[in-house]
Structures are given as C-alpha cells and as structure tokens.
Protein backbone atom coordinates (compact mmCIF):
# COMPACT_ATOMS: atom_id res chain seq x y z
CA MET A 1 -21.20 -11.48 4.65
CA MET A 2 -21.58 -13.86 7.58
CA ALA A 3 -21.59 -17.59 7.01
CA SER A 4 -24.51 -19.66 8.26
CA GLN A 5 -24.03 -22.69 10.45
CA HIS A 6 -24.18 -24.91 7.36
CA GLN A 7 -22.14 -22.64 5.08
CA PRO A 8 -18.46 -22.26 6.00
CA ARG A 9 -16.75 -19.07 4.95
CA VAL A 10 -14.71 -19.03 1.77
CA ILE A 11 -12.11 -16.24 1.78
CA LEU A 12 -9.73 -15.63 -1.11
CA HIS A 13 -6.55 -13.60 -0.81
CA LEU A 14 -4.93 -12.45 -4.04
CA ASP A 15 -1.40 -11.05 -4.08
CA MET A 16 0.24 -9.79 -7.24
CA ASP A 17 3.69 -11.25 -7.84
CA ALA A 18 6.51 -8.68 -7.50
CA PHE A 19 3.92 -6.21 -8.74
CA PHE A 20 5.91 -3.02 -9.40
CA ALA A 21 8.79 -4.91 -11.00
CA ALA A 22 6.42 -7.08 -13.06
CA VAL A 23 4.71 -3.99 -14.50
CA GLU A 24 8.10 -2.51 -15.47
CA VAL A 25 9.17 -5.77 -17.15
CA ARG A 26 5.86 -6.03 -18.99
CA ASP A 27 6.15 -2.44 -20.21
CA ASN A 28 9.82 -2.95 -21.18
CA PRO A 29 10.41 -6.54 -22.34
CA ASP A 30 14.16 -5.93 -22.47
CA LEU A 31 14.10 -6.25 -18.67
CA ALA A 32 12.71 -9.80 -18.78
CA GLY A 33 14.82 -12.33 -16.88
CA LYS A 34 17.04 -9.63 -15.36
CA PRO A 35 17.46 -8.51 -11.75
CA VAL A 36 15.21 -5.45 -11.71
CA ILE A 37 15.16 -3.28 -8.58
CA ILE A 38 12.50 -0.60 -8.10
CA GLY A 39 13.86 2.39 -6.22
CA HIS A 40 16.73 4.84 -6.32
CA PRO A 41 20.32 3.60 -6.15
CA GLY A 42 21.66 6.64 -4.28
CA PRO A 43 23.00 6.55 -0.71
CA ARG A 44 19.62 7.64 0.64
CA GLY A 45 17.54 5.30 -1.47
CA VAL A 46 15.41 2.37 -0.37
CA VAL A 47 14.25 -0.66 -2.35
CA ALA A 48 10.50 -0.50 -3.01
CA THR A 49 10.42 -4.01 -4.46
CA CYS A 50 12.40 -6.13 -6.92
CA SER A 51 12.01 -8.96 -9.42
CA TYR A 52 12.43 -12.56 -8.42
CA GLU A 53 15.78 -12.59 -10.23
CA ALA A 54 17.03 -9.89 -7.87
CA ARG A 55 15.60 -11.70 -4.83
CA LYS A 56 17.94 -14.63 -5.60
CA PHE A 57 20.76 -12.30 -4.61
CA GLY A 58 19.10 -11.50 -1.26
CA VAL A 59 17.58 -8.17 -2.27
CA ARG A 60 14.37 -7.43 -0.39
CA SER A 61 11.75 -4.66 -0.07
CA ALA A 62 12.61 -1.82 2.38
CA MET A 63 16.32 -2.66 2.12
CA PRO A 64 18.73 0.32 1.88
CA SER A 65 19.82 0.79 -1.70
CA THR A 66 23.50 0.64 -0.73
CA THR A 67 22.94 -2.87 0.69
CA ALA A 68 21.07 -3.95 -2.43
CA GLN A 69 23.87 -2.65 -4.62
CA ARG A 70 26.40 -4.65 -2.65
CA LEU A 71 24.33 -7.84 -2.88
CA CYS A 72 23.39 -7.38 -6.54
CA PRO A 73 25.96 -5.11 -8.26
CA ASP A 74 24.51 -5.91 -11.74
CA GLY A 75 20.95 -5.04 -10.74
CA ILE A 76 18.98 -2.83 -13.06
CA TRP A 77 17.52 0.08 -11.14
CA VAL A 78 14.17 1.58 -12.24
CA ARG A 79 12.49 4.54 -10.60
CA GLY A 80 9.01 3.70 -9.47
CA ARG A 81 5.94 4.94 -11.38
CA MET A 82 3.22 4.97 -8.76
CA ASP A 83 0.66 6.48 -11.11
CA ARG A 84 1.21 3.58 -13.52
CA TYR A 85 0.98 0.97 -10.77
CA SER A 86 -2.20 2.58 -9.36
CA GLU A 87 -3.80 2.55 -12.82
CA VAL A 88 -3.13 -1.17 -13.28
CA SER A 89 -4.22 -1.93 -9.71
CA ARG A 90 -7.60 -0.21 -10.21
CA LYS A 91 -8.27 -2.28 -13.35
CA ILE A 92 -7.40 -5.49 -11.55
CA ARG A 93 -9.68 -4.54 -8.69
CA GLU A 94 -12.53 -4.06 -11.16
CA ARG A 95 -12.02 -7.68 -12.19
CA MET A 96 -12.17 -8.73 -8.56
CA ARG A 97 -15.51 -6.96 -8.10
CA GLU A 98 -16.89 -8.95 -11.01
CA CYS A 99 -16.43 -12.03 -8.80
CA THR A 100 -17.91 -10.53 -5.61
CA PRO A 101 -18.85 -7.09 -4.28
CA LEU A 102 -17.05 -7.99 -1.06
CA VAL A 103 -13.49 -6.91 -1.94
CA GLU A 104 -11.23 -5.48 0.76
CA PRO A 105 -7.98 -3.96 -0.59
CA LEU A 106 -5.06 -4.45 1.74
CA SER A 107 -2.61 -2.49 -0.39
CA ILE A 108 -2.05 -1.54 -4.00
CA ASP A 109 -1.18 -5.14 -4.95
CA GLU A 110 -3.32 -7.38 -2.71
CA ALA A 111 -6.88 -7.83 -1.57
CA PHE A 112 -9.33 -10.15 0.20
CA LEU A 113 -12.46 -11.43 -1.52
CA ASP A 114 -15.36 -13.01 0.42
CA LEU A 115 -16.86 -15.77 -1.73
CA THR A 116 -19.16 -17.15 0.96
CA GLY A 117 -22.57 -17.92 -0.57
CA ILE A 118 -21.19 -17.58 -4.07
CA VAL A 119 -19.46 -20.94 -3.88
CA LYS A 120 -20.14 -23.87 -1.57
CA ASP A 121 -16.65 -24.72 -0.44
CA LEU A 122 -12.92 -24.08 -0.85
CA GLU A 123 -12.84 -26.06 -4.09
CA GLY A 124 -15.47 -23.75 -5.52
CA GLY A 125 -13.32 -20.83 -4.39
CA ALA A 126 -10.38 -22.38 -6.21
CA GLY A 127 -12.37 -22.29 -9.42
CA ILE A 128 -12.97 -18.57 -9.07
CA GLY A 129 -9.36 -18.08 -8.12
CA ARG A 130 -8.15 -19.80 -11.29
CA ARG A 131 -10.49 -17.76 -13.48
CA LEU A 132 -9.42 -14.54 -11.80
CA LYS A 133 -5.74 -15.40 -12.30
CA GLU A 134 -6.41 -16.22 -15.96
CA MET A 135 -8.22 -12.92 -16.50
CA ILE A 136 -5.33 -10.95 -14.97
CA VAL A 137 -2.86 -12.75 -17.26
CA ARG A 138 -5.04 -12.17 -20.30
CA ASP A 139 -5.77 -8.52 -19.56
CA HIS A 140 -2.48 -7.41 -18.08
CA ASP A 141 0.13 -10.11 -18.73
CA LEU A 142 0.83 -10.27 -14.99
CA THR A 143 0.81 -13.23 -12.59
CA SER A 144 -0.68 -13.40 -9.14
CA SER A 145 -0.77 -15.85 -6.22
CA VAL A 146 -4.00 -16.87 -4.56
CA GLY A 147 -4.76 -18.38 -1.16
CA ILE A 148 -8.20 -19.73 -0.22
CA SER A 149 -9.26 -20.59 3.32
CA PRO A 150 -12.15 -20.18 5.78
CA ASN A 151 -10.58 -17.01 7.16
CA LYS A 152 -8.42 -14.01 6.20
CA PHE A 153 -5.33 -15.00 8.19
CA LEU A 154 -4.98 -18.46 6.67
CA ALA A 155 -5.88 -17.22 3.20
CA LYS A 156 -3.04 -14.69 3.34
CA ILE A 157 -0.62 -17.33 4.61
CA ALA A 158 -1.74 -19.65 1.79
CA SER A 159 -1.15 -17.10 -0.98
CA ASP A 160 2.50 -16.89 0.02
CA LEU A 161 3.20 -20.64 0.06
CA GLU A 162 3.73 -21.25 -3.66
CA LYS A 163 4.79 -17.88 -5.07
CA PRO A 164 4.96 -16.91 -7.82
CA ASP A 165 1.82 -17.81 -9.77
CA GLY A 166 0.51 -20.11 -7.03
CA LEU A 167 -2.94 -21.19 -5.93
CA VAL A 168 -3.20 -22.89 -2.53
CA LEU A 169 -6.17 -24.13 -0.51
CA PHE A 170 -5.71 -24.00 3.27
CA PRO A 171 -8.46 -25.87 5.13
CA LEU A 172 -8.58 -25.73 8.92
CA GLU A 173 -7.53 -29.39 9.04
CA ALA A 174 -4.11 -28.34 7.69
CA VAL A 175 -3.26 -25.98 10.57
CA LYS A 176 -1.12 -28.48 12.44
CA THR A 177 0.81 -29.69 9.42
CA ARG A 178 1.21 -26.38 7.54
CA LEU A 179 0.93 -23.55 10.06
CA TRP A 180 2.50 -24.93 13.19
CA PRO A 181 6.00 -25.54 11.76
CA MET A 182 6.28 -21.87 10.73
CA PRO A 183 8.22 -19.31 12.84
CA VAL A 184 6.14 -17.17 15.17
CA GLU A 185 7.15 -14.11 13.11
CA ARG A 186 4.62 -15.20 10.48
CA LEU A 187 1.72 -14.30 12.76
CA TRP A 188 -0.04 -10.97 12.35
CA GLY A 189 0.88 -8.83 15.33
CA VAL A 190 4.34 -10.25 15.89
CA GLY A 191 6.71 -7.39 15.23
CA PRO A 192 10.40 -7.15 16.25
CA LYS A 193 9.72 -6.45 19.91
CA THR A 194 7.04 -9.07 20.40
CA GLY A 195 9.18 -11.56 18.43
CA GLU A 196 12.13 -10.93 20.71
CA ARG A 197 10.04 -11.55 23.81
CA LEU A 198 8.59 -14.77 22.44
CA LEU A 199 11.96 -16.06 21.34
CA ALA A 200 13.47 -15.23 24.71
CA GLY A 201 10.69 -17.29 26.27
CA GLY A 202 11.47 -20.29 24.10
CA VAL A 203 8.54 -19.74 21.70
CA HIS A 204 10.17 -20.15 18.28
CA ARG A 205 7.50 -21.83 16.19
CA ILE A 206 3.76 -21.37 15.98
CA GLU A 207 3.25 -24.85 17.46
CA HIS A 208 5.07 -23.69 20.62
CA LEU A 209 2.61 -20.78 20.90
CA ALA A 210 -0.37 -23.06 20.46
CA ALA A 211 0.87 -25.59 23.01
CA ARG A 212 1.77 -23.22 25.88
CA PRO A 213 -0.76 -22.20 28.53
CA GLU A 214 -2.33 -18.76 27.92
CA SER A 215 -0.83 -17.51 31.18
CA ALA A 216 2.69 -18.44 30.04
CA ILE A 217 2.33 -16.50 26.78
CA ALA A 218 0.68 -13.59 28.65
CA SER A 219 3.71 -13.38 30.92
CA LEU A 220 5.80 -12.63 27.82
CA VAL A 221 3.58 -10.32 25.78
CA GLY A 222 0.55 -9.43 27.91
CA MET A 223 -2.90 -11.06 28.14
CA ARG A 224 -4.51 -9.24 25.19
CA ALA A 225 -1.69 -10.10 22.78
CA ALA A 226 -1.53 -13.65 24.11
CA ARG A 227 -5.19 -14.29 23.35
CA HIS A 228 -4.88 -12.78 19.87
CA LEU A 229 -1.75 -14.73 18.96
CA GLN A 230 -2.94 -18.03 20.35
CA ALA A 231 -6.23 -17.73 18.41
CA LEU A 232 -4.23 -17.24 15.18
CA ALA A 233 -1.99 -20.14 16.12
CA ARG A 234 -5.10 -22.33 16.24
CA GLY A 235 -6.12 -21.01 12.83
CA GLU A 236 -8.96 -18.88 14.24
CA ASP A 237 -9.79 -15.53 12.71
CA ASP A 238 -13.37 -14.25 12.50
CA ARG A 239 -12.66 -10.79 11.05
CA PRO A 240 -15.02 -10.00 8.19
CA VAL A 241 -14.01 -8.84 4.73
CA VAL A 242 -14.83 -5.13 4.76
CA PRO A 243 -15.38 -3.80 1.23
CA SER A 244 -15.73 -0.14 2.12
CA ARG A 245 -12.46 0.55 3.85
CA GLU A 246 -12.50 4.33 3.72
CA ALA A 247 -9.18 6.10 3.34
CA LYS A 248 -8.37 8.02 6.54
CA SER A 249 -5.71 10.11 4.83
CA ILE A 250 -4.01 10.61 1.48
CA SER A 251 -0.41 11.81 1.44
CA SER A 252 2.69 12.04 -0.75
CA GLU A 253 6.27 12.43 0.33
CA ARG A 254 9.67 12.25 -1.30
CA THR A 255 13.27 11.84 -0.05
CA TYR A 256 15.69 13.91 -2.10
CA GLU A 257 19.11 12.81 -3.29
CA THR A 258 20.49 16.27 -2.44
CA ASP A 259 19.07 18.39 0.37
CA LEU A 260 16.75 21.14 -0.82
CA THR A 261 17.96 24.60 0.13
CA ASP A 262 16.87 26.85 -2.74
CA PRO A 263 13.47 28.47 -2.02
CA ASP A 264 12.32 27.89 -5.61
CA ASP A 265 13.16 24.20 -5.37
CA ILE A 266 11.30 23.90 -2.07
CA ASP A 267 8.32 25.74 -3.60
CA ARG A 268 8.25 23.34 -6.53
CA ALA A 269 8.51 20.37 -4.17
CA PHE A 270 5.45 21.53 -2.23
CA LEU A 271 3.52 21.98 -5.47
CA ALA A 272 4.52 18.56 -6.83
CA ARG A 273 3.45 16.78 -3.63
CA SER A 274 0.21 18.77 -3.46
CA GLU A 275 -0.56 17.96 -7.12
CA HIS A 276 -0.14 14.25 -6.40
CA VAL A 277 -2.36 14.35 -3.31
CA ALA A 278 -5.07 16.36 -5.10
CA ARG A 279 -5.08 13.92 -8.02
CA GLU A 280 -5.53 10.97 -5.65
CA LEU A 281 -8.37 12.79 -3.90
CA ARG A 282 -10.19 13.33 -7.18
CA LYS A 283 -9.61 9.72 -8.27
CA ASP A 284 -11.37 8.59 -5.12
CA HIS A 285 -14.06 11.33 -5.41
CA LEU A 286 -13.02 12.80 -2.04
CA ASP A 287 -12.53 16.22 -0.49
CA ALA A 288 -10.16 16.91 2.42
CA ARG A 289 -10.70 19.25 5.35
CA THR A 290 -7.19 19.06 6.88
CA VAL A 291 -3.77 19.56 5.30
CA HIS A 292 -0.55 18.21 6.83
CA ILE A 293 3.12 18.77 6.04
CA LYS A 294 6.16 16.77 7.01
CA ILE A 295 9.71 18.09 6.79
CA ARG A 296 12.91 16.18 7.59
CA THR A 297 16.37 17.70 7.50
CA GLY A 298 19.69 16.03 6.77
CA ASP A 299 20.30 15.39 10.48
CA PHE A 300 16.94 13.53 10.63
CA THR A 301 15.17 16.21 12.63
CA THR A 302 11.48 15.95 11.67
CA TRP A 303 8.72 18.53 11.78
CA THR A 304 5.02 17.89 11.23
CA ARG A 305 2.29 20.54 11.09
CA ALA A 306 -1.42 20.53 10.29
CA THR A 307 -4.12 23.08 9.58
CA THR A 308 -7.88 22.92 9.01
CA LEU A 309 -9.30 24.50 5.85
CA ALA A 310 -12.35 26.73 5.77
CA GLU A 311 -13.92 24.44 3.17
CA PRO A 312 -12.99 20.88 2.11
CA THR A 313 -11.11 20.68 -1.17
CA CYS A 314 -9.56 18.45 -3.81
CA LEU A 315 -7.63 21.22 -5.49
CA ALA A 316 -3.82 21.39 -5.56
CA GLU A 317 -3.94 25.19 -5.45
CA VAL A 318 -5.71 25.17 -2.13
CA ILE A 319 -3.61 22.38 -0.66
CA VAL A 320 -0.24 23.89 -1.63
CA LYS A 321 -1.26 27.32 -0.35
CA ALA A 322 -2.00 25.86 3.07
CA ALA A 323 1.18 23.77 2.99
CA ARG A 324 3.40 26.73 2.07
CA GLU A 325 1.86 28.96 4.71
CA MET A 326 2.48 26.38 7.44
CA TYR A 327 6.06 25.91 6.30
CA LEU A 328 6.88 29.61 6.18
CA ALA A 329 5.06 30.57 9.39
CA ARG A 330 5.54 27.58 11.65
CA ILE A 331 8.88 25.91 10.80
CA ASP A 332 12.38 27.35 11.22
CA LEU A 333 15.05 25.05 9.74
CA HIS A 334 17.91 27.25 10.98
CA GLY A 335 19.55 27.06 7.59
CA LYS A 336 19.39 23.29 7.26
CA GLY A 337 18.46 21.66 3.96
CA ILE A 338 15.37 19.53 3.46
CA ARG A 339 16.02 15.82 3.04
CA LEU A 340 12.33 14.71 2.95
CA LEU A 341 9.23 16.76 2.17
CA GLY A 342 5.69 15.47 2.43
CA VAL A 343 2.15 16.84 2.00
CA GLY A 344 -0.91 15.00 3.27
CA THR A 345 -4.63 15.41 3.80
CA SER A 346 -7.11 13.95 6.26
CA HIS A 347 -10.70 14.33 7.47
CA LEU A 348 -11.82 13.04 4.11
CA ALA A 349 -15.41 13.01 2.89
CA PRO A 350 -17.19 12.27 -0.39
CA ALA A 351 -16.74 15.16 -2.82
CA GLY A 352 -19.47 17.71 -2.55
CA SER A 353 -20.76 16.46 0.80
CA GLY A 354 -19.81 19.63 2.69
CA GLN A 355 -22.22 22.33 3.77
CA PRO A 356 -23.54 24.02 0.62
CA SER A 357 -22.57 27.65 0.36
CA LEU A 358 -25.24 30.33 -0.11
CA PHE A 359 -22.79 32.10 -2.40
CA PRO A 360 -20.85 29.47 -4.38
CA ASP A 361 -17.44 30.62 -5.62
CA PRO A 362 -17.47 30.55 -9.42
CA LEU A 363 -13.67 30.58 -9.52
CA GLU A 364 -13.47 27.42 -7.38
CA GLU A 365 -16.05 25.63 -9.53
CA ARG A 366 -14.10 26.62 -12.61
CA ALA A 367 -10.91 25.31 -11.00
CA ARG A 368 -12.61 21.98 -10.23
CA LYS A 369 -13.81 21.63 -13.80
CA LEU A 370 -10.31 22.40 -15.08
CA ALA A 371 -8.80 19.87 -12.72
CA ARG A 372 -11.25 17.19 -13.85
CA ALA A 373 -10.53 17.99 -17.51
CA THR A 374 -6.81 17.74 -16.82
CA ASP A 375 -7.37 14.38 -15.08
CA GLU A 376 -9.20 13.07 -18.13
CA VAL A 377 -6.27 14.06 -20.40
CA ARG A 378 -3.78 12.37 -18.06
CA ASP A 379 -5.94 9.24 -17.89
CA ARG A 380 -5.83 8.96 -21.66
CA MET A 381 -2.37 10.26 -22.49
CA GLY A 382 -0.31 9.59 -19.33
CA GLU A 383 0.61 11.58 -16.22
CA LYS A 384 3.29 13.64 -17.97
CA SER A 385 1.01 14.77 -20.81
CA VAL A 386 0.00 17.82 -18.77
CA THR A 387 2.53 19.52 -16.50
CA ARG A 388 2.36 22.84 -14.69
CA ALA A 389 4.94 25.28 -16.02
CA ARG A 390 5.97 25.90 -12.40
CA LEU A 391 7.07 22.28 -12.08
CA LEU A 392 9.35 22.33 -15.14
CA LYS A 393 13.01 22.16 -14.20
CA LYS A 394 15.11 25.24 -14.57
CA LYS A 395 17.51 25.17 -17.49
C-alpha cells in the first residue's frame, strides 16, 4: 500500500522475544528463570537461540555449542522442535492478519505489517501494536517487541531498542539522536567484509556514514553500496511491505553427532528429511518440480545435486526416491561418513496447478489423500502421533 502525499506510511515490525526458548519455557514451566539453550550440546552443535538468562552469560545464536558450554556451564540444553515453533508462528501470523492484510513475514518469529490508511499516524500504530502484543500474551503466553516507524528499516531498528516486551516509536525526526550514534554494523547490508572496509576508512558510527561525501564512501565499498548505506543512514527506506512473499525453496537438513556410515541409517535419514520437506509443502499448499540433496562429510567436503521431476509433487515417497537415486548414482563418498544430510525442493507452485494429466494416476491421488489425512492427525495429536515404521530406530 503506497502512502499519499498527506498520509505518511506507518510500518510496524513485530519480533517475538527469544521465541524458541520462550515456547519451551511456556510448555515446561520448570524451565522458567533458568538459562535455557536451544540446540545440541555436542562438539558439532550450534546454538539456535537461548533465553535471556543464558544471554547474560554471553551465549548468542549461531555460537558453537562448545563455546556456549564454556560460557554457561549450567545451561539447560533443549533440542529444538521446529514443528512446534512453526505451529505457534502460524497462529500468531493469523492474529497479525486480523490487523492488516499487508503482513510480510521475515522469518518464523518476526514480520512487518503495513498499517498505512488503517491508522493516521505512528501513535495510531502504537495502539494496534499494544493490542497485538496483548493478544499474543493472552493466546500464547509469549511476549513480543514492536517497533513502529514510517519505513521498514527504522521499524526493525525500533523493535530491538527495548527488548524484551518493548514498544518503540521511531519518527524520522529521531534519526540523528537515535540512529546516528549506532555502529555501522547495525545497517542492513553491512556484513563482515563491508564492515571491515568501513572501519578501515574511519567510518565507525552511522553518523560518520551520513556525514561523509558519497564519493568517499564509494571508494571504500563501491558506488551502489554507498548509495544504499547512506540512504539508510539518513533514515530513508521506501521498500514496500510485500504480503505475498512466495517461498523459492523448502528444505530440511541435519548435522549428525556421529557420522552416518550404515546404509540403513543413511536411508532413514533421507526419508526423515523428505518427510519434513513434504509436510512443509503441504502446509503451504505447494508442489515442487525440483529436488535437491546436500551431503557433507566429516572433512567438510560438500556435494550438492539436483534433479527435475516428471510431475510436481508434495509426496515424501516421490521426493525420497529422487533423493536416493541422486545419492547412489551421482555421489561417491570414497568410504567417508556423512556429517550433514539435507533434502530440498524448488520450482514451487500452488498445489494442483500443473498440467492436468489425461490419465490421472489413482495411486498418486490415493497417496495424496493419505498424506493429507496423516497431516490432520498430526495437527491434532502432535508430529510424533504418526511415524513411518521405516523411521523407527533399530533395537
């Protein structure tokens, strides 16, 4: 939705507070007030996220588990439950869409909402933000932080200023006092390499970036990046909220504590990843035309392969068949074990949008009906309520 000359944009960014950890604490109150770390504590593990109690010890997302264990030896480790988090996320997103149809998910735990035309100004947006936060607490017993501004960049900055459970308005007039003192790393597009170049050129804070001539910044990072970063430094961002961000791919991968060498274990791993991908496709009412696999061995050698299916699908049986065939025919590990295994899909389209067949396969239609029935049981009873016998661990 574009703002008129007399109607400034009102953009709301909502970010759930320590989302994965908060869901675990809510589901298990014995964890309340304790340093909860989501991930696997093994030598190959990585922290997905952690509670605020764990963050006090310096634990952060994407940190190696060994580092987190050293910083927080009494941390309580919990394996992530992505299906559970996705379920809660979808319900929260439904609440967002009650406020406006213009909802752009950024990730499983954050989204932009365009309130332009629904409210007159940022204060009106704050009213919706408070109600949305209250609904999430009432429905899910979870807190969130909200930022409200005339654009996406400043709204996202604002939501992070008073975490957890914050609500911050960020008008353009506050750019000099609030944004400029921040380090340049806070700008979208400033990764490690760009950050190093800016710091080497004496650009440490956002105010330095805003004050320098464009040519001076371009000499450090190039003209295109200079224009982008200086616009953000001035608080300028005209990107619209895009509610129909279509998934370009759906994938699932896992790093294993012990390298997979047994063919049966590898076979089950392919099936488990394919099951997860197929379930996500059906949740989003999508079919996939292309299947990908990703294999990484203990020495970090990585293989990726892809194949195109004869017909788009959302069935695990079809996906795993293609994945296994690629693995057996197109990858030679030379006896090495598998450290990471992933299965993915791309070239996605709405389910049933492919070319209709003159001779529909009754077995495929039966398989789709069975998959949908299984999904309904899992939705009601939990993901583990129905498990393929092939995925059960050997005794």
